[in-house]
């Protein structure tokens, strides 16, 4: 099973996160090959949050980032969990897919989110979305593309 680590500012993308997880885990094809990790589904445990996300990023095959308007709560170093997760996935050489939410013309994007998006745009080929249905379609396309590449390299598995 190939674990997908979904990363985003949780409050901004609460619905998208939940619906993407449900979509992957109930799609007759995708559920055979993919599992989804959402931090909010993790039960209370003895590890600190940083160790929890690091363990799951290590375990995942695909980092899936949803970036939009908000940056998230920065830690003592001024960096959000979403940026830490992206950086750690990059450091570990994980396959990363990033989707950028199209914002209304007058929407104000957090400065640090704009910087994270610029960093991601330099690192990966990203896609944009306007609606949840469009996001689900694009995620499916990315997962199928990823799976085809894995098959060509002989690395696909259930």
N, C-alpha and C. Protein backbone atom coordinates (compact mmCIF):
# COMPACT_ATOMS: atom_id res chain seq x y z
N UNK A 1 0.86 -1.18 0.00
CA UNK A 1 0.00 0.00 0.00
C UNK A 1 0.89 1.24 0.00
N UNK A 2 0.54 2.21 -0.78
CA UNK A 2 1.32 3.44 -0.92
C UNK A 2 0.64 4.56 -0.12
N UNK A 3 1.34 5.04 0.90
CA UNK A 3 0.77 6.06 1.77
C UNK A 3 0.92 7.45 1.16
N UNK A 4 -0.17 8.21 1.19
CA UNK A 4 -0.19 9.61 0.76
C UNK A 4 -0.27 10.45 2.02
N UNK A 5 0.69 11.35 2.19
CA UNK A 5 0.70 12.27 3.33
C UNK A 5 0.10 13.58 2.86
N UNK A 6 -1.07 13.94 3.37
CA UNK A 6 -1.74 15.18 2.97
C UNK A 6 -1.30 16.29 3.92
N UNK A 7 -0.77 17.36 3.34
CA UNK A 7 -0.22 18.48 4.11
C UNK A 7 -0.86 19.77 3.64
N UNK A 8 -1.30 20.57 4.61
CA UNK A 8 -1.89 21.88 4.30
C UNK A 8 -2.19 22.57 5.62
N UNK A 9 -2.44 23.88 5.58
CA UNK A 9 -3.00 24.50 6.77
C UNK A 9 -4.38 23.88 7.03
N UNK A 10 -4.54 23.20 8.15
CA UNK A 10 -5.77 22.44 8.39
C UNK A 10 -7.05 23.27 8.37
N UNK A 11 -7.10 24.43 9.02
CA UNK A 11 -8.38 25.16 9.02
C UNK A 11 -8.84 25.58 7.61
N UNK A 12 -7.91 26.03 6.79
CA UNK A 12 -8.28 26.49 5.44
C UNK A 12 -8.76 25.34 4.56
N UNK A 13 -8.20 24.17 4.74
CA UNK A 13 -8.49 23.06 3.83
C UNK A 13 -9.18 21.89 4.54
N UNK A 14 -9.90 22.14 5.61
CA UNK A 14 -10.54 21.06 6.37
C UNK A 14 -11.43 20.20 5.48
N UNK A 15 -12.26 20.82 4.69
CA UNK A 15 -13.18 20.05 3.83
C UNK A 15 -12.43 19.30 2.75
N UNK A 16 -11.48 19.96 2.09
CA UNK A 16 -10.72 19.31 1.02
C UNK A 16 -9.95 18.10 1.55
N UNK A 17 -9.35 18.24 2.70
CA UNK A 17 -8.58 17.14 3.31
C UNK A 17 -9.48 15.93 3.56
N UNK A 18 -10.60 16.19 4.23
CA UNK A 18 -11.54 15.12 4.56
C UNK A 18 -12.09 14.46 3.30
N UNK A 19 -12.50 15.27 2.34
CA UNK A 19 -13.10 14.72 1.12
C UNK A 19 -12.08 14.00 0.24
N UNK A 20 -10.84 14.49 0.19
CA UNK A 20 -9.81 13.78 -0.57
C UNK A 20 -9.52 12.42 0.05
N UNK A 21 -9.44 12.38 1.36
CA UNK A 21 -9.21 11.12 2.05
C UNK A 21 -10.34 10.14 1.73
N UNK A 22 -11.56 10.57 1.86
CA UNK A 22 -12.72 9.73 1.57
C UNK A 22 -12.69 9.28 0.11
N UNK A 23 -12.39 10.19 -0.79
CA UNK A 23 -12.35 9.89 -2.23
C UNK A 23 -11.35 8.77 -2.52
N UNK A 24 -10.14 8.90 -2.02
CA UNK A 24 -9.10 7.90 -2.29
C UNK A 24 -9.46 6.56 -1.64
N UNK A 25 -9.96 6.61 -0.42
CA UNK A 25 -10.23 5.37 0.32
C UNK A 25 -11.50 4.65 -0.13
N UNK A 26 -12.33 5.31 -0.93
CA UNK A 26 -13.57 4.67 -1.40
C UNK A 26 -13.58 4.44 -2.91
N UNK A 27 -12.67 5.06 -3.64
CA UNK A 27 -12.63 4.82 -5.09
C UNK A 27 -12.25 3.36 -5.33
N UNK A 28 -13.02 2.64 -6.15
CA UNK A 28 -12.76 1.22 -6.35
C UNK A 28 -11.33 0.90 -6.83
N UNK A 29 -10.74 1.78 -7.60
CA UNK A 29 -9.38 1.54 -8.08
C UNK A 29 -8.33 2.05 -7.10
N UNK A 30 -8.45 3.31 -6.71
CA UNK A 30 -7.42 3.93 -5.88
C UNK A 30 -7.23 3.23 -4.54
N UNK A 31 -8.34 2.76 -3.95
CA UNK A 31 -8.24 2.15 -2.62
C UNK A 31 -7.43 0.86 -2.63
N UNK A 32 -7.23 0.28 -3.80
CA UNK A 32 -6.41 -0.94 -3.89
C UNK A 32 -4.92 -0.64 -3.75
N UNK A 33 -4.53 0.60 -4.03
CA UNK A 33 -3.11 0.94 -4.10
C UNK A 33 -2.67 2.03 -3.13
N UNK A 34 -3.63 2.82 -2.63
CA UNK A 34 -3.25 3.99 -1.83
C UNK A 34 -3.98 4.03 -0.50
N UNK A 35 -3.28 4.53 0.49
CA UNK A 35 -3.85 4.86 1.79
C UNK A 35 -3.54 6.34 2.02
N UNK A 36 -4.27 6.98 2.92
CA UNK A 36 -4.11 8.42 3.14
C UNK A 36 -3.87 8.68 4.62
N UNK A 37 -2.89 9.54 4.89
CA UNK A 37 -2.66 9.99 6.26
C UNK A 37 -3.08 11.44 6.39
N UNK A 38 -3.97 11.69 7.35
CA UNK A 38 -4.36 13.04 7.76
C UNK A 38 -3.99 13.18 9.23
N UNK A 39 -3.27 14.22 9.56
CA UNK A 39 -2.83 14.43 10.93
C UNK A 39 -4.01 14.45 11.90
N UNK A 40 -5.13 15.05 11.47
CA UNK A 40 -6.27 15.17 12.37
C UNK A 40 -6.93 13.81 12.67
N UNK A 41 -6.60 12.77 11.93
CA UNK A 41 -7.13 11.43 12.20
C UNK A 41 -6.24 10.63 13.13
N UNK A 42 -5.11 11.19 13.51
CA UNK A 42 -4.18 10.50 14.39
C UNK A 42 -4.71 10.55 15.82
N UNK A 43 -4.75 9.40 16.51
CA UNK A 43 -5.23 9.44 17.89
C UNK A 43 -4.21 10.12 18.80
N UNK A 44 -4.68 10.58 19.93
CA UNK A 44 -3.78 11.15 20.94
C UNK A 44 -2.73 10.09 21.29
N UNK A 45 -1.48 10.53 21.41
CA UNK A 45 -0.40 9.58 21.72
C UNK A 45 0.73 10.30 22.45
N UNK A 46 1.74 9.54 22.82
CA UNK A 46 2.83 10.07 23.65
C UNK A 46 3.86 10.87 22.86
N UNK A 47 3.85 10.83 21.54
CA UNK A 47 4.85 11.56 20.75
C UNK A 47 4.47 13.03 20.60
N UNK A 48 5.50 13.87 20.44
CA UNK A 48 5.19 15.26 20.15
C UNK A 48 4.76 15.37 18.68
N UNK A 49 4.03 16.43 18.32
CA UNK A 49 3.52 16.55 16.95
C UNK A 49 4.61 16.46 15.88
N UNK A 50 5.78 17.04 16.14
CA UNK A 50 6.85 17.01 15.15
C UNK A 50 7.30 15.58 14.87
N UNK A 51 7.44 14.76 15.91
CA UNK A 51 7.83 13.37 15.69
C UNK A 51 6.75 12.59 14.96
N UNK A 52 5.47 12.90 15.25
CA UNK A 52 4.38 12.23 14.54
C UNK A 52 4.44 12.51 13.05
N UNK A 53 4.56 13.79 12.66
CA UNK A 53 4.56 14.08 11.23
C UNK A 53 5.84 13.56 10.58
N UNK A 54 6.96 13.63 11.28
CA UNK A 54 8.21 13.12 10.69
C UNK A 54 8.11 11.62 10.42
N UNK A 55 7.53 10.88 11.35
CA UNK A 55 7.37 9.44 11.16
C UNK A 55 6.50 9.15 9.93
N UNK A 56 5.42 9.89 9.78
CA UNK A 56 4.50 9.64 8.66
C UNK A 56 5.08 10.11 7.33
N UNK A 57 5.82 11.20 7.34
CA UNK A 57 6.48 11.64 6.10
C UNK A 57 7.51 10.59 5.68
N UNK A 58 8.24 10.04 6.65
CA UNK A 58 9.21 8.97 6.34
C UNK A 58 8.51 7.77 5.72
N UNK A 59 7.35 7.44 6.25
CA UNK A 59 6.61 6.26 5.82
C UNK A 59 5.92 6.45 4.46
N UNK A 60 5.58 7.67 4.12
CA UNK A 60 4.78 7.90 2.91
C UNK A 60 5.58 7.69 1.63
N UNK A 61 4.83 7.42 0.56
CA UNK A 61 5.40 7.37 -0.79
C UNK A 61 5.19 8.71 -1.49
N UNK A 62 4.07 9.38 -1.15
CA UNK A 62 3.70 10.63 -1.83
C UNK A 62 3.34 11.68 -0.79
N UNK A 63 3.96 12.86 -0.93
CA UNK A 63 3.59 14.04 -0.16
C UNK A 63 2.63 14.82 -1.04
N UNK A 64 1.43 15.13 -0.53
CA UNK A 64 0.43 15.88 -1.28
C UNK A 64 0.18 17.19 -0.54
N UNK A 65 0.60 18.30 -1.13
CA UNK A 65 0.45 19.60 -0.50
C UNK A 65 -0.69 20.40 -1.09
N UNK A 66 -1.48 21.01 -0.23
CA UNK A 66 -2.54 21.94 -0.62
C UNK A 66 -2.17 23.30 -0.07
N UNK A 67 -1.90 24.24 -0.96
CA UNK A 67 -1.48 25.57 -0.54
C UNK A 67 -2.48 26.59 -1.05
N UNK A 68 -2.74 27.60 -0.24
CA UNK A 68 -3.71 28.61 -0.64
C UNK A 68 -3.41 29.96 -0.05
N UNK A 69 -4.29 30.41 0.84
CA UNK A 69 -4.25 31.77 1.36
C UNK A 69 -3.49 31.86 2.69
N UNK A 70 -3.75 30.93 3.60
CA UNK A 70 -3.19 31.02 4.94
C UNK A 70 -1.91 30.20 5.05
N UNK A 71 -1.09 30.55 5.99
CA UNK A 71 0.21 29.88 6.18
C UNK A 71 0.15 28.82 7.28
N UNK A 72 -0.62 29.04 8.29
CA UNK A 72 -0.65 28.14 9.43
C UNK A 72 0.10 28.75 10.60
N UNK A 73 0.00 28.09 11.73
CA UNK A 73 0.60 28.59 12.96
C UNK A 73 2.11 28.34 12.95
N UNK A 74 2.91 29.40 12.98
CA UNK A 74 4.36 29.20 13.02
C UNK A 74 4.82 28.71 14.38
N UNK A 75 5.90 27.92 14.37
CA UNK A 75 6.48 27.44 15.62
C UNK A 75 7.48 28.46 16.15
N UNK A 76 8.31 28.07 17.09
CA UNK A 76 9.29 28.97 17.68
C UNK A 76 10.30 29.51 16.67
N UNK A 77 10.51 28.77 15.58
CA UNK A 77 11.42 29.21 14.53
C UNK A 77 10.71 30.02 13.45
N UNK A 78 9.39 30.24 13.61
CA UNK A 78 8.62 31.01 12.64
C UNK A 78 8.20 30.21 11.42
N UNK A 79 8.22 28.87 11.52
CA UNK A 79 7.89 28.01 10.37
C UNK A 79 6.66 27.18 10.72
N UNK A 80 5.71 27.10 9.78
CA UNK A 80 4.49 26.33 10.01
C UNK A 80 4.75 24.84 9.84
N UNK A 81 3.83 24.03 10.36
CA UNK A 81 3.92 22.58 10.19
C UNK A 81 3.90 22.23 8.70
N UNK A 82 3.09 22.92 7.92
CA UNK A 82 3.00 22.63 6.49
C UNK A 82 4.36 22.82 5.82
N UNK A 83 5.05 23.88 6.14
CA UNK A 83 6.37 24.11 5.53
C UNK A 83 7.38 23.09 6.04
N UNK A 84 7.34 22.77 7.32
CA UNK A 84 8.23 21.73 7.86
C UNK A 84 8.01 20.41 7.12
N UNK A 85 6.75 20.06 6.90
CA UNK A 85 6.42 18.80 6.22
C UNK A 85 6.94 18.80 4.79
N UNK A 86 6.73 19.91 4.07
CA UNK A 86 7.23 20.01 2.70
C UNK A 86 8.75 19.89 2.68
N UNK A 87 9.41 20.61 3.56
CA UNK A 87 10.87 20.57 3.61
C UNK A 87 11.39 19.17 3.94
N UNK A 88 10.74 18.50 4.87
CA UNK A 88 11.19 17.16 5.27
C UNK A 88 10.97 16.16 4.13
N UNK A 89 9.83 16.26 3.46
CA UNK A 89 9.58 15.39 2.30
C UNK A 89 10.63 15.63 1.21
N UNK A 90 11.01 16.89 1.03
CA UNK A 90 12.04 17.24 0.05
C UNK A 90 13.38 16.65 0.48
N UNK A 91 13.72 16.82 1.74
CA UNK A 91 14.98 16.30 2.28
C UNK A 91 15.09 14.79 2.10
N UNK A 92 13.96 14.08 2.28
CA UNK A 92 13.96 12.62 2.16
C UNK A 92 13.82 12.13 0.72
N UNK A 93 13.64 13.07 -0.22
CA UNK A 93 13.49 12.69 -1.62
C UNK A 93 12.15 12.04 -1.94
N UNK A 94 11.12 12.38 -1.18
CA UNK A 94 9.79 11.83 -1.42
C UNK A 94 9.20 12.43 -2.69
N UNK A 95 8.32 11.67 -3.34
CA UNK A 95 7.58 12.21 -4.47
C UNK A 95 6.58 13.21 -3.93
N UNK A 96 6.55 14.40 -4.52
CA UNK A 96 5.70 15.48 -4.02
C UNK A 96 4.79 15.97 -5.12
N UNK A 97 3.53 16.13 -4.79
CA UNK A 97 2.56 16.77 -5.68
C UNK A 97 1.95 17.93 -4.91
N UNK A 98 1.85 19.06 -5.57
CA UNK A 98 1.36 20.28 -4.92
C UNK A 98 0.25 20.89 -5.76
N UNK A 99 -0.82 21.27 -5.07
CA UNK A 99 -1.97 21.91 -5.70
C UNK A 99 -2.17 23.27 -5.05
N UNK A 100 -2.33 24.28 -5.89
CA UNK A 100 -2.52 25.65 -5.42
C UNK A 100 -3.97 26.05 -5.63
N UNK A 101 -4.61 26.50 -4.55
CA UNK A 101 -5.99 26.96 -4.64
C UNK A 101 -6.01 28.32 -5.32
N UNK A 102 -6.85 28.43 -6.35
CA UNK A 102 -7.03 29.72 -7.01
C UNK A 102 -7.77 30.66 -6.06
N UNK A 103 -7.18 31.80 -5.84
CA UNK A 103 -7.77 32.76 -4.91
C UNK A 103 -8.54 33.84 -5.66
N UNK A 104 -9.53 34.39 -4.99
CA UNK A 104 -10.29 35.51 -5.56
C UNK A 104 -9.32 36.65 -5.82
N UNK A 105 -9.59 37.46 -6.84
CA UNK A 105 -8.66 38.53 -7.20
C UNK A 105 -8.26 39.45 -6.05
N UNK A 106 -9.16 39.73 -5.13
CA UNK A 106 -8.85 40.64 -4.03
C UNK A 106 -8.38 39.93 -2.76
N UNK A 107 -8.26 38.62 -2.83
CA UNK A 107 -7.85 37.87 -1.64
C UNK A 107 -6.42 38.21 -1.27
N UNK A 108 -6.18 38.32 0.02
CA UNK A 108 -4.83 38.61 0.51
C UNK A 108 -4.21 37.30 0.99
N UNK A 109 -3.11 36.95 0.37
CA UNK A 109 -2.40 35.74 0.73
C UNK A 109 -1.33 36.07 1.78
N UNK A 110 -1.19 35.21 2.76
CA UNK A 110 -0.16 35.41 3.78
C UNK A 110 1.21 35.44 3.11
N UNK A 111 2.05 36.36 3.52
CA UNK A 111 3.38 36.53 2.93
C UNK A 111 4.19 35.24 3.00
N UNK A 112 4.15 34.58 4.14
CA UNK A 112 4.93 33.34 4.29
C UNK A 112 4.37 32.22 3.42
N UNK A 113 3.05 32.21 3.15
CA UNK A 113 2.50 31.22 2.24
C UNK A 113 2.98 31.51 0.82
N UNK A 114 3.00 32.77 0.44
CA UNK A 114 3.51 33.13 -0.89
C UNK A 114 4.97 32.66 -1.05
N UNK A 115 5.74 32.78 0.01
CA UNK A 115 7.14 32.33 -0.03
C UNK A 115 7.23 30.81 -0.13
N UNK A 116 6.36 30.11 0.59
CA UNK A 116 6.34 28.64 0.50
C UNK A 116 5.92 28.20 -0.90
N UNK A 117 4.94 28.86 -1.47
CA UNK A 117 4.51 28.54 -2.83
C UNK A 117 5.65 28.76 -3.82
N UNK A 118 6.37 29.86 -3.67
CA UNK A 118 7.52 30.13 -4.56
C UNK A 118 8.56 29.02 -4.43
N UNK A 119 8.81 28.57 -3.22
CA UNK A 119 9.75 27.47 -2.99
C UNK A 119 9.26 26.20 -3.68
N UNK A 120 7.98 25.89 -3.51
CA UNK A 120 7.40 24.68 -4.11
C UNK A 120 7.44 24.75 -5.63
N UNK A 121 7.17 25.94 -6.20
CA UNK A 121 7.17 26.10 -7.65
C UNK A 121 8.55 25.85 -8.25
N UNK A 122 9.60 26.11 -7.49
CA UNK A 122 10.96 25.84 -7.95
C UNK A 122 11.29 24.36 -7.88
N UNK A 123 10.60 23.63 -7.00
CA UNK A 123 10.94 22.23 -6.73
C UNK A 123 10.11 21.22 -7.51
N UNK A 124 8.85 21.53 -7.77
CA UNK A 124 7.94 20.56 -8.39
C UNK A 124 7.06 21.23 -9.43
N UNK A 125 6.51 20.39 -10.31
CA UNK A 125 5.49 20.87 -11.24
C UNK A 125 4.17 20.82 -10.48
N UNK A 126 3.54 21.95 -10.31
CA UNK A 126 2.34 22.06 -9.50
C UNK A 126 1.12 22.17 -10.40
N UNK A 127 -0.05 22.12 -9.81
CA UNK A 127 -1.29 22.35 -10.54
C UNK A 127 -2.17 23.25 -9.68
N UNK A 128 -3.18 23.82 -10.28
CA UNK A 128 -4.10 24.71 -9.57
C UNK A 128 -5.50 24.10 -9.59
N UNK A 129 -6.34 24.58 -8.66
CA UNK A 129 -7.73 24.12 -8.62
C UNK A 129 -8.62 25.24 -8.12
N UNK A 130 -9.88 25.17 -8.57
CA UNK A 130 -10.90 26.13 -8.14
C UNK A 130 -11.96 25.51 -7.25
N UNK A 131 -12.20 24.22 -7.43
CA UNK A 131 -13.28 23.55 -6.70
C UNK A 131 -12.81 22.20 -6.18
N UNK A 132 -13.57 21.66 -5.27
CA UNK A 132 -13.25 20.35 -4.72
C UNK A 132 -13.31 19.27 -5.80
N UNK A 133 -14.33 19.32 -6.65
CA UNK A 133 -14.43 18.33 -7.73
C UNK A 133 -13.23 18.40 -8.66
N UNK A 134 -12.79 19.59 -8.98
CA UNK A 134 -11.62 19.75 -9.84
C UNK A 134 -10.37 19.21 -9.14
N UNK A 135 -10.25 19.47 -7.84
CA UNK A 135 -9.11 18.96 -7.09
C UNK A 135 -9.10 17.43 -7.10
N UNK A 136 -10.24 16.80 -6.86
CA UNK A 136 -10.30 15.34 -6.85
C UNK A 136 -9.89 14.76 -8.20
N UNK A 137 -10.35 15.36 -9.28
CA UNK A 137 -9.97 14.89 -10.61
C UNK A 137 -8.47 15.02 -10.83
N UNK A 138 -7.91 16.14 -10.43
CA UNK A 138 -6.47 16.37 -10.63
C UNK A 138 -5.63 15.45 -9.74
N UNK A 139 -6.11 15.19 -8.54
CA UNK A 139 -5.39 14.25 -7.66
C UNK A 139 -5.42 12.86 -8.29
N UNK A 140 -6.57 12.45 -8.79
CA UNK A 140 -6.65 11.14 -9.44
C UNK A 140 -5.67 11.07 -10.62
N UNK A 141 -5.63 12.10 -11.42
CA UNK A 141 -4.69 12.12 -12.55
C UNK A 141 -3.25 12.00 -12.07
N UNK A 142 -2.91 12.72 -11.03
CA UNK A 142 -1.54 12.67 -10.50
C UNK A 142 -1.21 11.29 -9.94
N UNK A 143 -2.17 10.67 -9.24
CA UNK A 143 -1.92 9.35 -8.68
C UNK A 143 -1.76 8.30 -9.78
N UNK A 144 -2.57 8.39 -10.81
CA UNK A 144 -2.44 7.45 -11.93
C UNK A 144 -1.12 7.66 -12.66
N UNK A 145 -0.73 8.90 -12.85
CA UNK A 145 0.55 9.22 -13.47
C UNK A 145 1.70 8.67 -12.62
N UNK A 146 1.62 8.87 -11.31
CA UNK A 146 2.64 8.37 -10.39
C UNK A 146 2.72 6.85 -10.48
N UNK A 147 1.54 6.21 -10.49
CA UNK A 147 1.50 4.75 -10.54
C UNK A 147 2.09 4.22 -11.85
N UNK A 148 1.80 4.89 -12.97
CA UNK A 148 2.38 4.48 -14.25
C UNK A 148 3.90 4.57 -14.21
N UNK A 149 4.41 5.64 -13.63
CA UNK A 149 5.86 5.80 -13.53
C UNK A 149 6.48 4.73 -12.63
N UNK A 150 5.80 4.39 -11.55
CA UNK A 150 6.27 3.33 -10.67
C UNK A 150 6.30 1.99 -11.40
N UNK A 151 5.25 1.74 -12.19
CA UNK A 151 5.18 0.48 -12.94
C UNK A 151 6.32 0.38 -13.93
N UNK A 152 6.65 1.48 -14.59
CA UNK A 152 7.77 1.49 -15.56
C UNK A 152 9.09 1.20 -14.87
N UNK A 153 9.21 1.65 -13.61
CA UNK A 153 10.44 1.44 -12.86
C UNK A 153 10.42 0.12 -12.07
N UNK A 154 9.29 -0.58 -12.13
CA UNK A 154 9.18 -1.85 -11.41
C UNK A 154 8.95 -1.69 -9.93
N UNK A 155 8.49 -0.52 -9.50
CA UNK A 155 8.36 -0.28 -8.06
C UNK A 155 6.96 -0.21 -7.54
N UNK A 156 5.95 -0.58 -8.34
CA UNK A 156 4.57 -0.46 -7.86
C UNK A 156 4.22 -1.66 -6.99
N UNK A 157 3.48 -1.42 -5.97
CA UNK A 157 3.05 -2.50 -5.12
C UNK A 157 1.77 -2.18 -4.41
N UNK A 158 1.10 -3.22 -3.98
CA UNK A 158 -0.13 -3.03 -3.21
C UNK A 158 0.20 -2.74 -1.78
